PDB file of all heavy atoms in Angstrom:
ATOM      1  N   ARG A   1       0.822  -1.223  -0.031  1.00  0.00           N
ATOM      2  CA  ARG A   1      -0.056   0.095  -0.005  1.00  0.00           C
ATOM      3  C   ARG A   1       0.885   1.192   0.016  1.00  0.00           C
ATOM      4  O   ARG A   1       0.624   2.209  -0.654  1.00  0.00           O
ATOM      5  CB  ARG A   1      -0.897  -0.038   1.220  1.00  0.00           C
ATOM      6  CG  ARG A   1      -1.965   1.063   1.221  1.00  0.00           C
ATOM      7  CD  ARG A   1      -2.809   0.766   2.429  1.00  0.00           C
ATOM      8  NE  ARG A   1      -3.637  -0.390   2.364  1.00  0.00           N
ATOM      9  CZ  ARG A   1      -3.609  -1.488   3.144  1.00  0.00           C
ATOM     10  NH1 ARG A   1      -2.570  -1.434   4.074  1.00  0.00           N
ATOM     11  NH2 ARG A   1      -4.384  -2.510   2.925  1.00  0.00           N
ATOM     12  N   PHE A   2       1.952   1.246   0.849  1.00  0.00           N
ATOM     13  CA  PHE A   2       2.807   2.443   0.899  1.00  0.00           C
ATOM     14  C   PHE A   2       3.634   2.655  -0.218  1.00  0.00           C
ATOM     15  O   PHE A   2       3.715   3.729  -0.747  1.00  0.00           O
ATOM     16  CB  PHE A   2       3.746   2.264   2.153  1.00  0.00           C
ATOM     17  CG  PHE A   2       3.037   2.100   3.509  1.00  0.00           C
ATOM     18  CD1 PHE A   2       3.731   1.510   4.504  1.00  0.00           C
ATOM     19  CD2 PHE A   2       1.647   2.591   3.637  1.00  0.00           C
ATOM     20  CE1 PHE A   2       3.060   1.465   5.843  1.00  0.00           C
ATOM     21  CE2 PHE A   2       1.053   2.656   4.904  1.00  0.00           C
ATOM     22  CZ  PHE A   2       1.760   1.965   5.844  1.00  0.00           C
ATOM     23  N   VAL A   3       4.054   1.481  -1.042  1.00  0.00           N
ATOM     24  CA  VAL A   3       4.823   1.656  -2.289  1.00  0.00           C
ATOM     25  C   VAL A   3       4.017   2.265  -3.298  1.00  0.00           C
ATOM     26  O   VAL A   3       4.331   3.074  -4.073  1.00  0.00           O
ATOM     27  CB  VAL A   3       5.393   0.214  -2.629  1.00  0.00           C
ATOM     28  CG1 VAL A   3       5.803   0.280  -4.072  1.00  0.00           C
ATOM     29  CG2 VAL A   3       6.557  -0.234  -1.700  1.00  0.00           C
ATOM     30  N   ILE A   4       2.657   1.960  -3.419  1.00  0.00           N
ATOM     31  CA  ILE A   4       1.795   2.357  -4.403  1.00  0.00           C
ATOM     32  C   ILE A   4       1.700   3.924  -4.156  1.00  0.00           C
ATOM     33  O   ILE A   4       1.736   4.797  -5.107  1.00  0.00           O
ATOM     34  CB  ILE A   4       0.443   1.660  -4.315  1.00  0.00           C
ATOM     35  CG1 ILE A   4       0.558   0.354  -4.909  1.00  0.00           C
ATOM     36  CG2 ILE A   4      -0.676   2.603  -5.137  1.00  0.00           C
ATOM     37  CD1 ILE A   4      -0.747  -0.552  -4.569  1.00  0.00           C
ATOM     38  N   ARG A   5       1.495   4.340  -2.932  1.00  0.00           N
ATOM     39  CA  ARG A   5       1.462   5.658  -2.592  1.00  0.00           C
ATOM     40  C   ARG A   5       2.722   6.547  -2.984  1.00  0.00           C
ATOM     41  O   ARG A   5       2.736   7.580  -3.699  1.00  0.00           O
ATOM     42  CB  ARG A   5       1.243   6.027  -1.051  1.00  0.00           C
ATOM     43  CG  ARG A   5      -0.220   5.880  -0.585  1.00  0.00           C
ATOM     44  CD  ARG A   5      -0.402   6.228   0.748  1.00  0.00           C
ATOM     45  NE  ARG A   5      -1.795   6.111   1.190  1.00  0.00           N
ATOM     46  CZ  ARG A   5      -2.563   7.243   1.101  1.00  0.00           C
ATOM     47  NH1 ARG A   5      -2.207   8.389   0.562  1.00  0.00           N
ATOM     48  NH2 ARG A   5      -3.939   7.251   1.459  1.00  0.00           N
ATOM     49  N   TRP A   6       3.908   5.855  -2.694  1.00  0.00           N
ATOM     50  CA  TRP A   6       5.108   6.515  -3.041  1.00  0.00           C
ATOM     51  C   TRP A   6       5.269   6.635  -4.512  1.00  0.00           C
ATOM     52  O   TRP A   6       5.700   7.807  -5.115  1.00  0.00           O
ATOM     53  CB  TRP A   6       6.326   5.779  -2.536  1.00  0.00           C
ATOM     54  CG  TRP A   6       6.582   5.965  -1.109  1.00  0.00           C
ATOM     55  CD1 TRP A   6       6.580   5.007  -0.137  1.00  0.00           C
ATOM     56  CD2 TRP A   6       7.079   7.089  -0.487  1.00  0.00           C
ATOM     57  NE1 TRP A   6       7.039   5.574   1.052  1.00  0.00           N
ATOM     58  CE2 TRP A   6       7.333   6.835   0.913  1.00  0.00           C
ATOM     59  CE3 TRP A   6       7.314   8.315  -0.813  1.00  0.00           C
ATOM     60  CZ2 TRP A   6       7.721   7.810   1.772  1.00  0.00           C
ATOM     61  CZ3 TRP A   6       7.719   9.260   0.005  1.00  0.00           C
ATOM     62  CH2 TRP A   6       7.899   8.978   1.380  1.00  0.00           C
ATOM     63  N   ALA A   7       4.811   5.608  -5.279  1.00  0.00           N
ATOM     64  CA  ALA A   7       4.972   5.642  -6.769  1.00  0.00           C
ATOM     65  C   ALA A   7       4.063   6.712  -7.430  1.00  0.00           C
ATOM     66  O   ALA A   7       4.468   7.461  -8.264  1.00  0.00           O
ATOM     67  CB  ALA A   7       4.505   4.275  -7.229  1.00  0.00           C
ATOM     68  N   ARG A   8       2.874   6.846  -6.870  1.00  0.00           N
ATOM     69  CA  ARG A   8       2.034   7.971  -7.396  1.00  0.00           C
ATOM     70  C   ARG A   8       2.492   9.279  -6.994  1.00  0.00           C
ATOM     71  O   ARG A   8       2.424  10.213  -7.829  1.00  0.00           O
ATOM     72  CB  ARG A   8       0.606   7.685  -6.927  1.00  0.00           C
ATOM     73  CG  ARG A   8      -0.167   6.449  -7.420  1.00  0.00           C
ATOM     74  CD  ARG A   8      -1.516   6.308  -6.793  1.00  0.00           C
ATOM     75  NE  ARG A   8      -2.371   5.236  -7.542  1.00  0.00           N
ATOM     76  CZ  ARG A   8      -3.259   4.423  -7.039  1.00  0.00           C
ATOM     77  NH1 ARG A   8      -3.556   4.475  -5.826  1.00  0.00           N
ATOM     78  NH2 ARG A   8      -3.976   3.767  -7.846  1.00  0.00           N
ATOM     79  N   ALA A   9       3.105   9.357  -5.816  1.00  0.00           N
ATOM     80  CA  ALA A   9       3.633  10.701  -5.443  1.00  0.00           C
ATOM     81  C   ALA A   9       4.767  11.151  -6.186  1.00  0.00           C
ATOM     82  O   ALA A   9       4.874  12.327  -6.583  1.00  0.00           O
ATOM     83  CB  ALA A   9       4.004  10.634  -3.912  1.00  0.00           C
ATOM     84  N   LEU A  10       5.641  10.263  -6.447  1.00  0.00           N
ATOM     85  CA  LEU A  10       6.915  10.653  -7.195  1.00  0.00           C
ATOM     86  C   LEU A  10       6.903  10.658  -8.706  1.00  0.00           C
ATOM     87  O   LEU A  10       7.712  11.208  -9.400  1.00  0.00           O
ATOM     88  CB  LEU A  10       8.232   9.954  -6.582  1.00  0.00           C
ATOM     89  CG  LEU A  10       8.175   8.377  -6.931  1.00  0.00           C
ATOM     90  CD1 LEU A  10       8.947   8.025  -8.230  1.00  0.00           C
ATOM     91  CD2 LEU A  10       8.979   7.908  -5.731  1.00  0.00           C
ATOM     92  N   THR A  11       5.772  10.062  -9.287  1.00  0.00           N
ATOM     93  CA  THR A  11       5.569  10.190 -10.623  1.00  0.00           C
ATOM     94  C   THR A  11       4.511  11.084 -11.009  1.00  0.00           C
ATOM     95  O   THR A  11       4.461  11.453 -12.266  1.00  0.00           O
ATOM     96  CB  THR A  11       5.221   8.708 -11.308  1.00  0.00           C
ATOM     97  OG1 THR A  11       3.858   8.409 -10.627  1.00  0.00           O
ATOM     98  CG2 THR A  11       6.277   7.706 -11.012  1.00  0.00           C
ATOM     99  N   GLY A  12       3.601  11.432 -10.201  1.00  0.00           N
ATOM    100  CA  GLY A  12       2.514  12.288 -10.497  1.00  0.00           C
ATOM    101  C   GLY A  12       1.361  11.640 -11.311  1.00  0.00           C
ATOM    102  O   GLY A  12       0.570  12.211 -11.959  1.00  0.00           O
ATOM    103  N   ARG A  13       1.442  10.253 -11.361  1.00  0.00           N
ATOM    104  CA  ARG A  13       0.552   9.509 -12.189  1.00  0.00           C
ATOM    105  C   ARG A  13      -0.479   8.804 -11.169  1.00  0.00           C
ATOM    106  O   ARG A  13      -0.073   8.349  -9.992  1.00  0.00           O
ATOM    107  CB  ARG A  13       1.224   8.502 -12.980  1.00  0.00           C
ATOM    108  CG  ARG A  13       2.150   8.961 -14.066  1.00  0.00           C
ATOM    109  CD  ARG A  13       2.939   7.893 -14.815  1.00  0.00           C
ATOM    110  NE  ARG A  13       4.017   8.353 -15.715  1.00  0.00           N
ATOM    111  CZ  ARG A  13       4.662   7.721 -16.520  1.00  0.00           C
ATOM    112  NH1 ARG A  13       4.626   6.366 -16.362  1.00  0.00           N
ATOM    113  NH2 ARG A  13       5.593   8.267 -17.329  1.00  0.00           N
ATOM    114  N   THR A  14      -1.685   8.514 -11.563  1.00  0.00           N
ATOM    115  CA  THR A  14      -2.627   7.887 -10.814  1.00  0.00           C
ATOM    116  C   THR A  14      -2.770   6.446 -10.866  1.00  0.00           C
ATOM    117  O   THR A  14      -3.314   5.674 -10.159  1.00  0.00           O
ATOM    118  CB  THR A  14      -4.117   8.437 -10.993  1.00  0.00           C
ATOM    119  OG1 THR A  14      -4.490   8.281 -12.330  1.00  0.00           O
ATOM    120  CG2 THR A  14      -4.071   9.930 -10.612  1.00  0.00           C
ATOM    121  N   GLN A  15      -2.449   5.807 -12.244  1.00  0.00           N
ATOM    122  CA  GLN A  15      -2.686   4.536 -12.476  1.00  0.00           C
ATOM    123  C   GLN A  15      -1.666   3.567 -11.952  1.00  0.00           C
ATOM    124  O   GLN A  15      -0.517   3.873 -11.833  1.00  0.00           O
ATOM    125  CB  GLN A  15      -2.800   4.342 -14.039  1.00  0.00           C
ATOM    126  CG  GLN A  15      -3.790   5.124 -14.638  1.00  0.00           C
ATOM    127  CD  GLN A  15      -5.152   4.593 -14.500  1.00  0.00           C
ATOM    128  OE1 GLN A  15      -5.469   3.373 -14.680  1.00  0.00           O
ATOM    129  NE2 GLN A  15      -6.102   5.394 -14.090  1.00  0.00           N
ATOM    130  N   ILE A  16      -2.097   2.294 -11.506  1.00  0.00           N
ATOM    131  CA  ILE A  16      -1.069   1.296 -11.320  1.00  0.00           C
ATOM    132  C   ILE A  16      -1.538   0.076 -12.233  1.00  0.00           C
ATOM    133  O   ILE A  16      -2.726  -0.121 -12.579  1.00  0.00           O
ATOM    134  CB  ILE A  16      -1.109   0.894  -9.913  1.00  0.00           C
ATOM    135  CG1 ILE A  16      -2.371   0.195  -9.416  1.00  0.00           C
ATOM    136  CG2 ILE A  16      -0.720   2.084  -9.005  1.00  0.00           C
ATOM    137  CD1 ILE A  16      -2.328  -0.570  -8.143  1.00  0.00           C
ATOM    138  N   LEU A  17      -0.625  -0.802 -12.245  1.00  0.00           N
ATOM    139  CA  LEU A  17      -0.824  -1.918 -13.199  1.00  0.00           C
ATOM    140  C   LEU A  17      -0.528  -3.225 -12.390  1.00  0.00           C
ATOM    141  O   LEU A  17       0.516  -3.381 -11.727  1.00  0.00           O
ATOM    142  CB  LEU A  17       0.064  -1.981 -14.469  1.00  0.00           C
ATOM    143  CG  LEU A  17      -0.129  -3.113 -15.392  1.00  0.00           C
ATOM    144  CD1 LEU A  17      -1.415  -3.306 -15.997  1.00  0.00           C
ATOM    145  CD2 LEU A  17       1.020  -2.908 -16.499  1.00  0.00           C
ATOM    146  N   VAL A  18      -1.370  -4.258 -12.391  1.00  0.00           N
ATOM    147  CA  VAL A  18      -1.273  -5.442 -11.755  1.00  0.00           C
ATOM    148  C   VAL A  18      -1.471  -6.659 -12.730  1.00  0.00           C
ATOM    149  O   VAL A  18      -2.096  -6.353 -13.824  1.00  0.00           O
ATOM    150  CB  VAL A  18      -2.040  -5.763 -10.528  1.00  0.00           C
ATOM    151  CG1 VAL A  18      -1.714  -4.635  -9.448  1.00  0.00           C
ATOM    152  CG2 VAL A  18      -3.630  -5.550 -10.951  1.00  0.00           C
ATOM    153  N   PHE A  19      -1.207  -7.965 -12.428  1.00  0.00           N
ATOM    154  CA  PHE A  19      -1.477  -9.084 -13.187  1.00  0.00           C
ATOM    155  C   PHE A  19      -2.811  -9.737 -12.765  1.00  0.00           C
ATOM    156  O   PHE A  19      -3.071  -9.820 -11.535  1.00  0.00           O
ATOM    157  CB  PHE A  19      -0.354 -10.034 -13.346  1.00  0.00           C
ATOM    158  CG  PHE A  19       0.809  -9.541 -13.908  1.00  0.00           C
ATOM    159  CD1 PHE A  19       2.052  -9.158 -13.347  1.00  0.00           C
ATOM    160  CD2 PHE A  19       0.682  -9.329 -15.397  1.00  0.00           C
ATOM    161  CE1 PHE A  19       3.114  -8.816 -14.068  1.00  0.00           C
ATOM    162  CE2 PHE A  19       1.953  -8.934 -16.087  1.00  0.00           C
ATOM    163  CZ  PHE A  19       3.039  -8.542 -15.433  1.00  0.00           C
ATOM    164  N   ASN A  20      -3.555 -10.271 -13.660  1.00  0.00           N
ATOM    165  CA  ASN A  20      -4.767 -10.883 -13.336  1.00  0.00           C
ATOM    166  C   ASN A  20      -4.547 -12.079 -12.434  1.00  0.00           C
ATOM    167  O   ASN A  20      -3.727 -12.873 -12.696  1.00  0.00           O
ATOM    168  CB  ASN A  20      -5.559 -11.401 -14.503  1.00  0.00           C
ATOM    169  CG  ASN A  20      -6.837 -12.016 -14.484  1.00  0.00           C
ATOM    170  OD1 ASN A  20      -7.595 -11.505 -13.623  1.00  0.00           O
ATOM    171  ND2 ASN A  20      -7.098 -13.067 -15.139  1.00  0.00           N
ATOM    172  N   GLY A  21      -5.350 -11.996 -11.379  1.00  0.00           N
ATOM    173  CA  GLY A  21      -5.141 -13.111 -10.250  1.00  0.00           C
ATOM    174  C   GLY A  21      -4.060 -13.038  -9.387  1.00  0.00           C
ATOM    175  O   GLY A  21      -3.746 -13.914  -8.538  1.00  0.00           O
ATOM    176  N   CYS A  22      -3.651 -11.751  -9.380  1.00  0.00           N
ATOM    177  CA  CYS A  22      -2.404 -11.486  -8.351  1.00  0.00           C
ATOM    178  C   CYS A  22      -2.915 -11.364  -7.000  1.00  0.00           C
ATOM    179  O   CYS A  22      -4.097 -11.396  -6.660  1.00  0.00           O
ATOM    180  CB  CYS A  22      -1.890 -10.043  -8.583  1.00  0.00           C
ATOM    181  SG  CYS A  22      -3.038  -8.641  -8.315  1.00  0.00           S
ATOM    182  N   TYR A  23      -1.852 -11.487  -6.080  1.00  0.00           N
ATOM    183  CA  TYR A  23      -2.067 -11.326  -4.584  1.00  0.00           C
ATOM    184  C   TYR A  23      -1.128 -10.446  -4.008  1.00  0.00           C
ATOM    185  O   TYR A  23       0.186 -10.893  -4.005  1.00  0.00           O
ATOM    186  CB  TYR A  23      -2.300 -12.704  -3.923  1.00  0.00           C
ATOM    187  CG  TYR A  23      -2.672 -12.532  -2.445  1.00  0.00           C
ATOM    188  CD1 TYR A  23      -3.878 -12.143  -2.043  1.00  0.00           C
ATOM    189  CD2 TYR A  23      -1.636 -12.781  -1.550  1.00  0.00           C
ATOM    190  CE1 TYR A  23      -4.166 -11.949  -0.675  1.00  0.00           C
ATOM    191  CE2 TYR A  23      -1.858 -12.643  -0.216  1.00  0.00           C
ATOM    192  CZ  TYR A  23      -3.188 -12.172   0.221  1.00  0.00           C
ATOM    193  OH  TYR A  23      -3.515 -12.013   1.584  1.00  0.00           O
ATOM    194  N   HIS A  24      -1.445  -9.409  -3.485  1.00  0.00           N
ATOM    195  CA  HIS A  24      -0.625  -8.496  -2.761  1.00  0.00           C
ATOM    196  C   HIS A  24      -1.179  -8.037  -1.390  1.00  0.00           C
ATOM    197  O   HIS A  24      -1.012  -6.982  -0.923  1.00  0.00           O
ATOM    198  CB  HIS A  24      -0.287  -7.153  -3.554  1.00  0.00           C
ATOM    199  CG  HIS A  24       0.333  -7.610  -4.879  1.00  0.00           C
ATOM    200  ND1 HIS A  24       1.711  -7.954  -5.094  1.00  0.00           N
ATOM    201  CD2 HIS A  24      -0.152  -7.566  -6.172  1.00  0.00           C
ATOM    202  CE1 HIS A  24       1.895  -8.290  -6.215  1.00  0.00           C
ATOM    203  NE2 HIS A  24       0.847  -7.994  -7.012  1.00  0.00           N
ATOM    204  N   GLY A  25      -1.862  -9.031  -0.699  1.00  0.00           N
ATOM    205  CA  GLY A  25      -2.426  -8.755   0.555  1.00  0.00           C
ATOM    206  C   GLY A  25      -3.752  -8.002   0.363  1.00  0.00           C
ATOM    207  O   GLY A  25      -4.513  -8.340  -0.502  1.00  0.00           O
ATOM    208  N   THR A  26      -4.036  -7.170   1.441  1.00  0.00           N
ATOM    209  CA  THR A  26      -5.364  -6.590   1.506  1.00  0.00           C
ATOM    210  C   THR A  26      -5.435  -5.107   0.994  1.00  0.00           C
ATOM    211  O   THR A  26      -6.149  -4.312   1.296  1.00  0.00           O
ATOM    212  CB  THR A  26      -5.920  -6.458   2.861  1.00  0.00           C
ATOM    213  OG1 THR A  26      -4.985  -5.797   3.617  1.00  0.00           O
ATOM    214  CG2 THR A  26      -6.019  -7.931   3.478  1.00  0.00           C
ATOM    215  N   VAL A  27      -4.623  -4.837  -0.086  1.00  0.00           N
ATOM    216  CA  VAL A  27      -4.578  -3.671  -0.679  1.00  0.00           C
ATOM    217  C   VAL A  27      -5.770  -3.487  -1.711  1.00  0.00           C
ATOM    218  O   VAL A  27      -5.802  -4.170  -2.642  1.00  0.00           O
ATOM    219  CB  VAL A  27      -3.120  -3.309  -1.633  1.00  0.00           C
ATOM    220  CG1 VAL A  27      -3.086  -2.054  -2.156  1.00  0.00           C
ATOM    221  CG2 VAL A  27      -1.936  -3.648  -0.558  1.00  0.00           C
ATOM    222  N   ASP A  28      -6.590  -2.563  -1.370  1.00  0.00           N
ATOM    223  CA  ASP A  28      -7.713  -2.395  -2.249  1.00  0.00           C
ATOM    224  C   ASP A  28      -7.418  -2.268  -3.717  1.00  0.00           C
ATOM    225  O   ASP A  28      -8.145  -2.845  -4.593  1.00  0.00           O
ATOM    226  CB  ASP A  28      -8.632  -1.090  -1.930  1.00  0.00           C
ATOM    227  CG  ASP A  28      -9.257  -1.393  -0.526  1.00  0.00           C
ATOM    228  OD1 ASP A  28      -9.219  -2.421   0.076  1.00  0.00           O
ATOM    229  OD2 ASP A  28     -10.063  -0.424  -0.019  1.00  0.00           O
ATOM    230  N   ASP A  29      -6.394  -1.481  -4.047  1.00  0.00           N
ATOM    231  CA  ASP A  29      -6.101  -1.149  -5.450  1.00  0.00           C
ATOM    232  C   ASP A  29      -5.838  -2.316  -6.397  1.00  0.00           C
ATOM    233  O   ASP A  29      -5.924  -2.203  -7.671  1.00  0.00           O
ATOM    234  CB  ASP A  29      -4.888  -0.281  -5.536  1.00  0.00           C
ATOM    235  CG  ASP A  29      -5.015   1.095  -4.728  1.00  0.00           C
ATOM    236  OD1 ASP A  29      -4.927   1.017  -3.465  1.00  0.00           O
ATOM    237  OD2 ASP A  29      -5.004   2.008  -5.396  1.00  0.00           O
ATOM    238  N   VAL A  30      -5.535  -3.523  -5.817  1.00  0.00           N
ATOM    239  CA  VAL A  30      -4.972  -4.650  -6.611  1.00  0.00           C
ATOM    240  C   VAL A  30      -6.120  -5.546  -6.942  1.00  0.00           C
ATOM    241  O   VAL A  30      -5.868  -6.591  -7.597  1.00  0.00           O
ATOM    242  CB  VAL A  30      -3.861  -5.404  -5.947  1.00  0.00           C
ATOM    243  CG1 VAL A  30      -2.721  -4.447  -5.684  1.00  0.00           C
ATOM    244  CG2 VAL A  30      -4.244  -6.080  -4.709  1.00  0.00           C
ATOM    245  N   PHE A  31      -7.343  -5.427  -6.407  1.00  0.00           N
ATOM    246  CA  PHE A  31      -8.379  -6.445  -6.624  1.00  0.00           C
ATOM    247  C   PHE A  31      -9.111  -6.258  -7.867  1.00  0.00           C
ATOM    248  O   PHE A  31     -10.296  -5.986  -7.830  1.00  0.00           O
ATOM    249  CB  PHE A  31      -9.350  -6.445  -5.264  1.00  0.00           C
ATOM    250  CG  PHE A  31      -8.712  -7.122  -4.071  1.00  0.00           C
ATOM    251  CD1 PHE A  31      -8.026  -6.299  -3.169  1.00  0.00           C
ATOM    252  CD2 PHE A  31      -8.792  -8.497  -3.950  1.00  0.00           C
ATOM    253  CE1 PHE A  31      -7.496  -6.927  -2.065  1.00  0.00           C
ATOM    254  CE2 PHE A  31      -8.129  -9.042  -2.891  1.00  0.00           C
ATOM    255  CZ  PHE A  31      -7.610  -8.266  -1.827  1.00  0.00           C
ATOM    256  N   VAL A  32      -8.424  -6.203  -8.901  1.00  0.00           N
ATOM    257  CA  VAL A  32      -9.009  -6.061 -10.268  1.00  0.00           C
ATOM    258  C   VAL A  32      -8.739  -7.187 -11.091  1.00  0.00           C
ATOM    259  O   VAL A  32      -7.557  -7.563 -11.332  1.00  0.00           O
ATOM    260  CB  VAL A  32      -8.523  -4.738 -11.033  1.00  0.00           C
ATOM    261  CG1 VAL A  32      -9.075  -4.731 -12.373  1.00  0.00           C
ATOM    262  CG2 VAL A  32      -9.058  -3.531 -10.095  1.00  0.00           C
ATOM    263  N   ASP A  33      -9.819  -7.974 -11.537  1.00  0.00           N
ATOM    264  CA  ASP A  33      -9.635  -9.145 -12.362  1.00  0.00           C
ATOM    265  C   ASP A  33     -10.069  -8.948 -13.750  1.00  0.00           C
ATOM    266  O   ASP A  33     -10.703  -7.865 -13.984  1.00  0.00           O
ATOM    267  CB  ASP A  33     -10.609 -10.279 -11.855  1.00  0.00           C
ATOM    268  CG  ASP A  33     -10.208 -10.780 -10.411  1.00  0.00           C
ATOM    269  OD1 ASP A  33      -9.013 -10.836 -10.160  1.00  0.00           O
ATOM    270  OD2 ASP A  33     -11.014 -11.165  -9.542  1.00  0.00           O
ATOM    271  N   LEU A  34      -9.682  -9.777 -14.644  1.00  0.00           N
ATOM    272  CA  LEU A  34     -10.065  -9.720 -16.050  1.00  0.00           C
ATOM    273  C   LEU A  34     -11.249 -10.800 -16.197  1.00  0.00           C
ATOM    274  O   LEU A  34     -11.063 -11.990 -15.927  1.00  0.00           O
ATOM    275  CB  LEU A  34      -8.926 -10.043 -16.927  1.00  0.00           C
ATOM    276  CG  LEU A  34      -7.862  -9.002 -17.224  1.00  0.00           C
ATOM    277  CD1 LEU A  34      -6.865  -9.573 -18.039  1.00  0.00           C
ATOM    278  CD2 LEU A  34      -8.358  -7.761 -17.680  1.00  0.00           C
ATOM    279  N   VAL A  35     -12.371 -10.239 -16.624  1.00  0.00           N
ATOM    280  CA  VAL A  35     -13.509 -11.231 -16.796  1.00  0.00           C
ATOM    281  C   VAL A  35     -13.879 -10.978 -18.339  1.00  0.00           C
ATOM    282  O   VAL A  35     -14.294  -9.847 -18.817  1.00  0.00           O
ATOM    283  CB  VAL A  35     -14.748 -10.680 -15.967  1.00  0.00           C
ATOM    284  CG1 VAL A  35     -15.867 -11.610 -16.164  1.00  0.00           C
ATOM    285  CG2 VAL A  35     -14.312 -10.810 -14.441  1.00  0.00           C
ATOM    286  N   HIS A  36     -13.687 -11.971 -19.031  1.00  0.00           N
ATOM    287  CA  HIS A  36     -13.851 -12.006 -20.531  1.00  0.00           C
ATOM    288  C   HIS A  36     -13.056 -10.863 -21.179  1.00  0.00           C
ATOM    289  O   HIS A  36     -13.515 -10.057 -21.970  1.00  0.00           O
ATOM    290  CB  HIS A  36     -15.268 -11.819 -20.928  1.00  0.00           C
ATOM    291  CG  HIS A  36     -16.232 -12.849 -20.323  1.00  0.00           C
ATOM    292  ND1 HIS A  36     -16.067 -14.209 -20.567  1.00  0.00           N
ATOM    293  CD2 HIS A  36     -17.334 -12.800 -19.423  1.00  0.00           C
ATOM    294  CE1 HIS A  36     -16.965 -14.875 -19.802  1.00  0.00           C
ATOM    295  NE2 HIS A  36     -17.691 -14.090 -19.125  1.00  0.00           N
ATOM    296  N   GLY A  37     -11.798 -10.672 -20.627  1.00  0.00           N
ATOM    297  CA  GLY A  37     -10.934  -9.677 -21.088  1.00  0.00           C
ATOM    298  C   GLY A  37     -10.996  -8.248 -20.600  1.00  0.00           C
ATOM    299  O   GLY A  37     -10.429  -7.344 -20.970  1.00  0.00           O
ATOM    300  N   GLN A  38     -12.170  -8.070 -19.737  1.00  0.00           N
ATOM    301  CA  GLN A  38     -12.496  -6.702 -19.216  1.00  0.00           C
ATOM    302  C   GLN A  38     -12.170  -6.541 -17.850  1.00  0.00           C
ATOM    303  O   GLN A  38     -12.485  -7.512 -17.040  1.00  0.00           O
ATOM    304  CB  GLN A  38     -13.912  -6.417 -19.524  1.00  0.00           C
ATOM    305  CG  GLN A  38     -14.365  -6.344 -20.931  1.00  0.00           C
ATOM    306  CD  GLN A  38     -13.500  -5.409 -21.822  1.00  0.00           C
ATOM    307  OE1 GLN A  38     -13.401  -4.247 -21.366  1.00  0.00           O
ATOM    308  NE2 GLN A  38     -13.011  -5.802 -22.963  1.00  0.00           N
ATOM    309  N   PRO A  39     -11.653  -5.455 -17.319  1.00  0.00           N
ATOM    310  CA  PRO A  39     -11.229  -5.360 -15.972  1.00  0.00           C
ATOM    311  C   PRO A  39     -12.541  -5.176 -15.012  1.00  0.00           C
ATOM    312  O   PRO A  39     -13.548  -4.450 -15.518  1.00  0.00           O
ATOM    313  CB  PRO A  39     -10.432  -4.074 -15.924  1.00  0.00           C
ATOM    314  CG  PRO A  39     -10.940  -3.263 -17.076  1.00  0.00           C
ATOM    315  CD  PRO A  39     -11.230  -4.299 -18.107  1.00  0.00           C
ATOM    316  N   ARG A  40     -12.557  -5.786 -13.876  1.00  0.00           N
ATOM    317  CA  ARG A  40     -13.688  -5.771 -13.078  1.00  0.00           C
ATOM    318  C   ARG A  40     -13.211  -5.949 -11.586  1.00  0.00           C
ATOM    319  O   ARG A  40     -12.311  -6.782 -11.324  1.00  0.00           O
ATOM    320  CB  ARG A  40     -14.740  -6.801 -13.446  1.00  0.00           C
ATOM    321  CG  ARG A  40     -16.002  -6.697 -12.613  1.00  0.00           C
ATOM    322  CD  ARG A  40     -17.114  -7.741 -13.154  1.00  0.00           C
ATOM    323  NE  ARG A  40     -16.975  -9.025 -12.565  1.00  0.00           N
ATOM    324  CZ  ARG A  40     -17.665  -9.984 -12.969  1.00  0.00           C
ATOM    325  NH1 ARG A  40     -18.551  -9.876 -13.942  1.00  0.00           N
ATOM    326  NH2 ARG A  40     -17.512 -11.149 -12.461  1.00  0.00           N
ATOM    327  N   THR A  41     -13.815  -5.139 -10.692  1.00  0.00           N
ATOM    328  CA  THR A  41     -13.590  -5.244  -9.312  1.00  0.00           C
ATOM    329  C   THR A  41     -13.826  -6.651  -8.897  1.00  0.00           C
ATOM    330  O   THR A  41     -14.815  -7.327  -9.246  1.00  0.00           O
ATOM    331  CB  THR A  41     -14.280  -4.243  -8.503  1.00  0.00           C
ATOM    332  OG1 THR A  41     -13.936  -2.861  -8.825  1.00  0.00           O
ATOM    333  CG2 THR A  41     -13.932  -4.390  -7.050  1.00  0.00           C
ATOM    334  N   ARG A  42     -12.923  -7.394  -8.079  1.00  0.00           N
ATOM    335  CA  ARG A  42     -13.068  -8.724  -7.730  1.00  0.00           C
ATOM    336  C   ARG A  42     -14.479  -8.828  -6.953  1.00  0.00           C
ATOM    337  O   ARG A  42     -14.856  -8.145  -6.009  1.00  0.00           O
ATOM    338  CB  ARG A  42     -11.997  -9.273  -6.908  1.00  0.00           C
ATOM    339  CG  ARG A  42     -12.019 -10.685  -6.647  1.00  0.00           C
ATOM    340  CD  ARG A  42     -10.630 -11.157  -6.088  1.00  0.00           C
ATOM    341  NE  ARG A  42      -9.508 -11.006  -7.067  1.00  0.00           N
ATOM    342  CZ  ARG A  42      -8.311 -11.073  -6.856  1.00  0.00           C
ATOM    343  NH1 ARG A  42      -7.922 -11.621  -5.586  1.00  0.00           N
ATOM    344  NH2 ARG A  42      -7.383 -10.899  -7.679  1.00  0.00           N
ATOM    345  N   ASP A  43     -15.191  -9.862  -7.289  1.00  0.00           N
ATOM    346  CA  ASP A  43     -16.564 -10.078  -6.742  1.00  0.00           C
ATOM    347  C   ASP A  43     -16.535 -10.325  -5.330  1.00  0.00           C
ATOM    348  O   ASP A  43     -17.425  -9.870  -4.546  1.00  0.00           O
ATOM    349  CB  ASP A  43     -17.218 -11.170  -7.343  1.00  0.00           C
ATOM    350  CG  ASP A  43     -17.688 -11.001  -8.768  1.00  0.00           C
ATOM    351  OD1 ASP A  43     -17.910  -9.860  -9.167  1.00  0.00           O
ATOM    352  OD2 ASP A  43     -17.861 -11.988  -9.611  1.00  0.00           O
ATOM    353  N   SER A  44     -15.489 -10.930  -4.726  1.00  0.00           N
ATOM    354  CA  SER A  44     -15.267 -11.236  -3.223  1.00  0.00           C
ATOM    355  C   SER A  44     -14.822 -10.072  -2.328  1.00  0.00           C
ATOM    356  O   SER A  44     -14.884 -10.262  -1.209  1.00  0.00           O
ATOM    357  CB  SER A  44     -14.469 -12.383  -3.174  1.00  0.00           C
ATOM    358  OG  SER A  44     -13.035 -12.043  -3.671  1.00  0.00           O
TER     359      SER A  44
END
């Protein structure tokens, strides 16, 4: 969570990129799955 904040702060960019099915703990930002090729907040 902190690394994502630092990255946004020092690049001035808002977007982050993760891999489908990833796990990085309970960081809200990473719970995005690909469903039929489209990004969607994880149902769970």
